[in-house]
PDB file of all heavy atoms in Angstrom:
ATOM      1  N   LEU A   1      88.969  85.610 103.176  1.00  0.00           N
ATOM      2  CA  LEU A   1      89.646  85.913 104.439  1.00  0.00           C
ATOM      3  C   LEU A   1      90.230  84.664 105.084  1.00  0.00           C
ATOM      4  O   LEU A   1      91.305  84.721 105.693  1.00  0.00           O
ATOM      5  CB  LEU A   1      88.682  86.613 105.402  1.00  0.00           C
ATOM      6  CG  LEU A   1      88.180  87.985 104.930  1.00  0.00           C
ATOM      7  CD1 LEU A   1      87.161  88.539 105.916  1.00  0.00           C
ATOM      8  CD2 LEU A   1      89.327  88.964 104.717  1.00  0.00           C
ATOM      9  N   LEU A   2      89.557  83.536 104.956  1.00  0.00           N
ATOM     10  CA  LEU A   2      90.117  82.291 105.497  1.00  0.00           C
ATOM     11  C   LEU A   2      91.389  81.887 104.771  1.00  0.00           C
ATOM     12  O   LEU A   2      92.285  81.285 105.365  1.00  0.00           O
ATOM     13  CB  LEU A   2      89.087  81.163 105.449  1.00  0.00           C
ATOM     14  CG  LEU A   2      88.072  81.163 106.570  1.00  0.00           C
ATOM     15  CD1 LEU A   2      86.983  80.110 106.325  1.00  0.00           C
ATOM     16  CD2 LEU A   2      88.737  80.942 107.923  1.00  0.00           C
ATOM     17  N   PHE A   3      91.481  82.216 103.484  1.00  0.00           N
ATOM     18  CA  PHE A   3      92.727  81.941 102.755  1.00  0.00           C
ATOM     19  C   PHE A   3      93.891  82.666 103.432  1.00  0.00           C
ATOM     20  O   PHE A   3      94.948  82.088 103.657  1.00  0.00           O
ATOM     21  CB  PHE A   3      92.609  82.353 101.282  1.00  0.00           C
ATOM     22  CG  PHE A   3      93.906  82.184 100.547  1.00  0.00           C
ATOM     23  CD1 PHE A   3      94.297  80.930 100.096  1.00  0.00           C
ATOM     24  CD2 PHE A   3      94.742  83.264 100.328  1.00  0.00           C
ATOM     25  CE1 PHE A   3      95.512  80.759  99.438  1.00  0.00           C
ATOM     26  CE2 PHE A   3      95.949  83.104  99.666  1.00  0.00           C
ATOM     27  CZ  PHE A   3      96.333  81.842  99.215  1.00  0.00           C
ATOM     28  N   PHE A   4      93.705  83.942 103.757  1.00  0.00           N
ATOM     29  CA  PHE A   4      94.753  84.684 104.467  1.00  0.00           C
ATOM     30  C   PHE A   4      95.053  84.039 105.816  1.00  0.00           C
ATOM     31  O   PHE A   4      96.205  83.900 106.212  1.00  0.00           O
ATOM     32  CB  PHE A   4      94.347  86.144 104.698  1.00  0.00           C
ATOM     33  CG  PHE A   4      94.217  86.970 103.460  1.00  0.00           C
ATOM     34  CD1 PHE A   4      93.253  87.957 103.384  1.00  0.00           C
ATOM     35  CD2 PHE A   4      95.049  86.792 102.370  1.00  0.00           C
ATOM     36  CE1 PHE A   4      93.120  88.744 102.255  1.00  0.00           C
ATOM     37  CE2 PHE A   4      94.922  87.567 101.232  1.00  0.00           C
ATOM     38  CZ  PHE A   4      93.957  88.553 101.179  1.00  0.00           C
ATOM     39  N   TYR A   5      94.017  83.651 106.513  1.00  0.00           N
ATOM     40  CA  TYR A   5      94.155  83.063 107.849  1.00  0.00           C
ATOM     41  C   TYR A   5      94.913  81.735 107.783  1.00  0.00           C
ATOM     42  O   TYR A   5      95.816  81.473 108.580  1.00  0.00           O
ATOM     43  CB  TYR A   5      92.769  82.874 108.461  1.00  0.00           C
ATOM     44  CG  TYR A   5      92.762  82.314 109.850  1.00  0.00           C
ATOM     45  CD1 TYR A   5      93.093  83.109 110.946  1.00  0.00           C
ATOM     46  CD2 TYR A   5      92.409  80.986 110.084  1.00  0.00           C
ATOM     47  CE1 TYR A   5      93.071  82.597 112.237  1.00  0.00           C
ATOM     48  CE2 TYR A   5      92.379  80.471 111.366  1.00  0.00           C
ATOM     49  CZ  TYR A   5      92.719  81.277 112.435  1.00  0.00           C
ATOM     50  OH  TYR A   5      92.703  80.755 113.708  1.00  0.00           O
ATOM     51  N   GLU A   6      94.538  80.903 106.829  1.00  0.00           N
ATOM     52  CA  GLU A   6      95.143  79.569 106.725  1.00  0.00           C
ATOM     53  C   GLU A   6      96.560  79.592 106.173  1.00  0.00           C
ATOM     54  O   GLU A   6      97.309  78.639 106.358  1.00  0.00           O
ATOM     55  CB  GLU A   6      94.246  78.669 105.869  1.00  0.00           C
ATOM     56  CG  GLU A   6      92.930  78.353 106.569  1.00  0.00           C
ATOM     57  CD  GLU A   6      91.874  77.773 105.650  1.00  0.00           C
ATOM     58  OE1 GLU A   6      92.106  77.658 104.424  1.00  0.00           O
ATOM     59  OE2 GLU A   6      90.779  77.452 106.167  1.00  0.00           O
ATOM     60  N   THR A   7      96.934  80.658 105.498  1.00  0.00           N
ATOM     61  CA  THR A   7      98.297  80.763 104.946  1.00  0.00           C
ATOM     62  C   THR A   7      99.092  81.870 105.629  1.00  0.00           C
ATOM     63  O   THR A   7     100.071  82.352 105.077  1.00  0.00           O
ATOM     64  CB  THR A   7      98.248  80.999 103.424  1.00  0.00           C
ATOM     65  OG1 THR A   7      97.552  82.220 103.156  1.00  0.00           O
ATOM     66  CG2 THR A   7      97.598  79.835 102.696  1.00  0.00           C
ATOM     67  N   LYS A   8      98.696  82.243 106.817  1.00  0.00           N
ATOM     68  CA  LYS A   8      99.314  83.387 107.488  1.00  0.00           C
ATOM     69  C   LYS A   8     100.783  83.172 107.808  1.00  0.00           C
ATOM     70  O   LYS A   8     101.518  84.129 107.974  1.00  0.00           O
ATOM     71  CB  LYS A   8      98.528  83.804 108.715  1.00  0.00           C
ATOM     72  CG  LYS A   8      98.607  82.891 109.903  1.00  0.00           C
ATOM     73  CD  LYS A   8      97.631  83.258 111.003  1.00  0.00           C
ATOM     74  CE  LYS A   8      97.928  84.558 111.643  1.00  0.00           C
ATOM     75  NZ  LYS A   8      96.968  84.964 112.652  1.00  0.00           N
ATOM     76  N   LYS A   9     101.230  81.921 107.869  1.00  0.00           N
ATOM     77  CA  LYS A   9     102.650  81.708 108.144  1.00  0.00           C
ATOM     78  C   LYS A   9     103.513  82.016 106.917  1.00  0.00           C
ATOM     79  O   LYS A   9     104.725  82.023 107.005  1.00  0.00           O
ATOM     80  CB  LYS A   9     102.906  80.300 108.672  1.00  0.00           C
ATOM     81  CG  LYS A   9     102.643  79.177 107.706  1.00  0.00           C
ATOM     82  CD  LYS A   9     102.929  77.838 108.377  1.00  0.00           C
ATOM     83  CE  LYS A   9     102.700  76.680 107.428  1.00  0.00           C
ATOM     84  NZ  LYS A   9     103.022  75.415 108.037  1.00  0.00           N
ATOM     85  N   TYR A  10     102.883  82.266 105.793  1.00  0.00           N
ATOM     86  CA  TYR A  10     103.601  82.641 104.569  1.00  0.00           C
ATOM     87  C   TYR A  10     103.190  84.025 104.089  1.00  0.00           C
ATOM     88  O   TYR A  10     102.861  84.194 102.924  1.00  0.00           O
ATOM     89  CB  TYR A  10     103.304  81.667 103.428  1.00  0.00           C
ATOM     90  CG  TYR A  10     103.346  80.213 103.773  1.00  0.00           C
ATOM     91  CD1 TYR A  10     102.237  79.411 103.577  1.00  0.00           C
ATOM     92  CD2 TYR A  10     104.503  79.635 104.285  1.00  0.00           C
ATOM     93  CE1 TYR A  10     102.267  78.062 103.878  1.00  0.00           C
ATOM     94  CE2 TYR A  10     104.536  78.293 104.592  1.00  0.00           C
ATOM     95  CZ  TYR A  10     103.421  77.509 104.386  1.00  0.00           C
ATOM     96  OH  TYR A  10     103.450  76.195 104.682  1.00  0.00           O
ATOM     97  N   PRO A  11     103.171  85.041 104.907  1.00  0.00           N
ATOM     98  CA  PRO A  11     102.521  86.302 104.518  1.00  0.00           C
ATOM     99  C   PRO A  11     103.062  86.956 103.256  1.00  0.00           C
ATOM    100  O   PRO A  11     102.299  87.433 102.440  1.00  0.00           O
ATOM    101  CB  PRO A  11     102.716  87.214 105.723  1.00  0.00           C
ATOM    102  CG  PRO A  11     103.841  86.625 106.471  1.00  0.00           C
ATOM    103  CD  PRO A  11     103.796  85.148 106.211  1.00  0.00           C
ATOM    104  N   ASP A  12     104.342  86.990 103.076  1.00  0.00           N
ATOM    105  CA  ASP A  12     104.875  87.691 101.907  1.00  0.00           C
ATOM    106  C   ASP A  12     105.895  86.873 101.130  1.00  0.00           C
ATOM    107  O   ASP A  12     106.524  87.383 100.219  1.00  0.00           O
ATOM    108  CB  ASP A  12     105.503  89.022 102.332  1.00  0.00           C
ATOM    109  CG  ASP A  12     104.454  89.997 102.840  1.00  0.00           C
ATOM    110  OD1 ASP A  12     103.426  90.128 102.159  1.00  0.00           O
ATOM    111  OD2 ASP A  12     104.656  90.578 103.907  1.00  0.00           O
ATOM    112  N   SER A  13     106.043  85.616 101.475  1.00  0.00           N
ATOM    113  CA  SER A  13     107.074  84.803 100.849  1.00  0.00           C
ATOM    114  C   SER A  13     106.859  84.590  99.358  1.00  0.00           C
ATOM    115  O   SER A  13     107.808  84.417  98.612  1.00  0.00           O
ATOM    116  CB  SER A  13     107.146  83.438 101.535  1.00  0.00           C
ATOM    117  OG  SER A  13     107.433  83.600 102.891  1.00  0.00           O
ATOM    118  N   PHE A  14     105.595  84.594  98.927  1.00  0.00           N
ATOM    119  CA  PHE A  14     105.316  84.309  97.521  1.00  0.00           C
ATOM    120  C   PHE A  14     105.399  85.541  96.627  1.00  0.00           C
ATOM    121  O   PHE A  14     105.484  85.417  95.420  1.00  0.00           O
ATOM    122  CB  PHE A  14     103.924  83.682  97.378  1.00  0.00           C
ATOM    123  CG  PHE A  14     103.904  82.221  97.683  1.00  0.00           C
ATOM    124  CD1 PHE A  14     103.590  81.764  98.950  1.00  0.00           C
ATOM    125  CD2 PHE A  14     104.224  81.299  96.714  1.00  0.00           C
ATOM    126  CE1 PHE A  14     103.567  80.414  99.240  1.00  0.00           C
ATOM    127  CE2 PHE A  14     104.220  79.942  96.986  1.00  0.00           C
ATOM    128  CZ  PHE A  14     103.888  79.506  98.251  1.00  0.00           C
ATOM    129  N   TRP A  15     105.355  86.743  97.176  1.00  0.00           N
ATOM    130  CA  TRP A  15     105.133  87.912  96.337  1.00  0.00           C
ATOM    131  C   TRP A  15     106.349  88.603  95.755  1.00  0.00           C
ATOM    132  O   TRP A  15     106.226  89.229  94.706  1.00  0.00           O
ATOM    133  CB  TRP A  15     104.244  88.910  97.082  1.00  0.00           C
ATOM    134  CG  TRP A  15     102.920  88.260  97.349  1.00  0.00           C
ATOM    135  CD1 TRP A  15     102.417  87.912  98.553  1.00  0.00           C
ATOM    136  CD2 TRP A  15     101.970  87.824  96.386  1.00  0.00           C
ATOM    137  NE1 TRP A  15     101.201  87.287  98.409  1.00  0.00           N
ATOM    138  CE2 TRP A  15     100.902  87.221  97.082  1.00  0.00           C
ATOM    139  CE3 TRP A  15     101.913  87.882  94.992  1.00  0.00           C
ATOM    140  CZ2 TRP A  15      99.797  86.688  96.444  1.00  0.00           C
ATOM    141  CZ3 TRP A  15     100.800  87.351  94.357  1.00  0.00           C
ATOM    142  CH2 TRP A  15      99.772  86.765  95.079  1.00  0.00           C
ATOM    143  N   PRO A  16     107.556  88.545  96.316  1.00  0.00           N
ATOM    144  CA  PRO A  16     108.654  89.287  95.687  1.00  0.00           C
ATOM    145  C   PRO A  16     109.044  88.779  94.300  1.00  0.00           C
ATOM    146  O   PRO A  16     109.384  89.554  93.434  1.00  0.00           O
ATOM    147  CB  PRO A  16     109.820  89.107  96.663  1.00  0.00           C
ATOM    148  CG  PRO A  16     109.190  88.799  97.962  1.00  0.00           C
ATOM    149  CD  PRO A  16     107.923  88.045  97.635  1.00  0.00           C
ATOM    150  N   ALA A  17     108.995  87.489  94.070  1.00  0.00           N
ATOM    151  CA  ALA A  17     109.500  86.917  92.827  1.00  0.00           C
ATOM    152  C   ALA A  17     108.690  87.206  91.571  1.00  0.00           C
ATOM    153  O   ALA A  17     109.277  87.395  90.513  1.00  0.00           O
ATOM    154  CB  ALA A  17     109.685  85.405  92.993  1.00  0.00           C
ATOM    155  N   PRO A  18     107.359  87.232  91.598  1.00  0.00           N
ATOM    156  CA  PRO A  18     106.617  87.321  90.342  1.00  0.00           C
ATOM    157  C   PRO A  18     106.971  88.516  89.473  1.00  0.00           C
ATOM    158  O   PRO A  18     106.841  88.455  88.258  1.00  0.00           O
ATOM    159  CB  PRO A  18     105.156  87.404  90.793  1.00  0.00           C
ATOM    160  CG  PRO A  18     105.121  86.818  92.129  1.00  0.00           C
ATOM    161  CD  PRO A  18     106.460  87.089  92.736  1.00  0.00           C
ATOM    162  N   HIS A  19     107.411  89.587  90.086  1.00  0.00           N
ATOM    163  CA  HIS A  19     107.719  90.789  89.313  1.00  0.00           C
ATOM    164  C   HIS A  19     108.879  90.575  88.347  1.00  0.00           C
ATOM    165  O   HIS A  19     109.023  91.322  87.388  1.00  0.00           O
ATOM    166  CB  HIS A  19     108.001  91.958  90.260  1.00  0.00           C
ATOM    167  CG  HIS A  19     106.872  92.200  91.204  1.00  0.00           C
ATOM    168  ND1 HIS A  19     105.643  92.659  90.790  1.00  0.00           N
ATOM    169  CD2 HIS A  19     106.756  91.985  92.531  1.00  0.00           C
ATOM    170  CE1 HIS A  19     104.825  92.739  91.826  1.00  0.00           C
ATOM    171  NE2 HIS A  19     105.469  92.333  92.899  1.00  0.00           N
ATOM    172  N   GLN A  20     109.673  89.548  88.591  1.00  0.00           N
ATOM    173  CA  GLN A  20     110.797  89.225  87.713  1.00  0.00           C
ATOM    174  C   GLN A  20     110.431  88.175  86.661  1.00  0.00           C
ATOM    175  O   GLN A  20     111.256  87.813  85.850  1.00  0.00           O
ATOM    176  CB  GLN A  20     111.976  88.703  88.549  1.00  0.00           C
ATOM    177  CG  GLN A  20     112.359  89.572  89.725  1.00  0.00           C
ATOM    178  CD  GLN A  20     112.754  90.976  89.309  1.00  0.00           C
ATOM    179  OE1 GLN A  20     113.426  91.162  88.312  1.00  0.00           O
ATOM    180  NE2 GLN A  20     112.312  91.961  90.064  1.00  0.00           N
ATOM    181  N   MET A  21     109.197  87.701  86.700  1.00  0.00           N
ATOM    182  CA  MET A  21     108.767  86.618  85.815  1.00  0.00           C
ATOM    183  C   MET A  21     107.553  87.045  85.006  1.00  0.00           C
ATOM    184  O   MET A  21     106.436  87.048  85.518  1.00  0.00           O
ATOM    185  CB  MET A  21     108.388  85.386  86.646  1.00  0.00           C
ATOM    186  CG  MET A  21     109.457  84.823  87.499  1.00  0.00           C
ATOM    187  SD  MET A  21     108.752  83.461  88.483  1.00  0.00           S
ATOM    188  CE  MET A  21     109.996  83.328  89.735  1.00  0.00           C
ATOM    189  N   PRO A  22     107.740  87.372  83.761  1.00  0.00           N
ATOM    190  CA  PRO A  22     106.600  87.810  82.943  1.00  0.00           C
ATOM    191  C   PRO A  22     105.462  86.779  82.883  1.00  0.00           C
ATOM    192  O   PRO A  22     104.291  87.150  82.952  1.00  0.00           O
ATOM    193  CB  PRO A  22     107.212  88.025  81.558  1.00  0.00           C
ATOM    194  CG  PRO A  22     108.665  88.275  81.822  1.00  0.00           C
ATOM    195  CD  PRO A  22     109.006  87.471  83.040  1.00  0.00           C
ATOM    196  N   GLU A  23     105.799  85.501  82.784  1.00  0.00           N
ATOM    197  CA  GLU A  23     104.748  84.472  82.723  1.00  0.00           C
ATOM    198  C   GLU A  23     103.931  84.459  84.019  1.00  0.00           C
ATOM    199  O   GLU A  23     102.707  84.367  83.999  1.00  0.00           O
ATOM    200  CB  GLU A  23     105.354  83.092  82.482  1.00  0.00           C
ATOM    201  CG  GLU A  23     104.307  82.007  82.366  1.00  0.00           C
ATOM    202  CD  GLU A  23     104.891  80.617  82.154  1.00  0.00           C
ATOM    203  OE1 GLU A  23     106.103  80.490  81.875  1.00  0.00           O
ATOM    204  OE2 GLU A  23     104.118  79.652  82.265  1.00  0.00           O
ATOM    205  N   MET A  24     104.618  84.589  85.142  1.00  0.00           N
ATOM    206  CA  MET A  24     103.925  84.591  86.431  1.00  0.00           C
ATOM    207  C   MET A  24     103.070  85.837  86.578  1.00  0.00           C
ATOM    208  O   MET A  24     101.945  85.757  87.077  1.00  0.00           O
ATOM    209  CB  MET A  24     104.955  84.503  87.567  1.00  0.00           C
ATOM    210  CG  MET A  24     104.351  84.328  88.935  1.00  0.00           C
ATOM    211  SD  MET A  24     103.479  82.768  89.111  1.00  0.00           S
ATOM    212  CE  MET A  24     101.990  83.352  89.893  1.00  0.00           C
ATOM    213  N   MET A  25     103.567  86.973  86.153  1.00  0.00           N
ATOM    214  CA  MET A  25     102.783  88.206  86.224  1.00  0.00           C
ATOM    215  C   MET A  25     101.526  88.092  85.367  1.00  0.00           C
ATOM    216  O   MET A  25     100.450  88.532  85.774  1.00  0.00           O
ATOM    217  CB  MET A  25     103.611  89.418  85.806  1.00  0.00           C
ATOM    218  CG  MET A  25     104.645  89.838  86.836  1.00  0.00           C
ATOM    219  SD  MET A  25     103.926  90.203  88.453  1.00  0.00           S
ATOM    220  CE  MET A  25     102.951  91.642  88.093  1.00  0.00           C
TER     221      MET A  25
END
């Protein structure tokens, strides 16, 4: 939960891209 709290200014910025990258997925 602290991870979410400490990175709350980036709530969804990291998640759209991985679906286009097999290695990242």
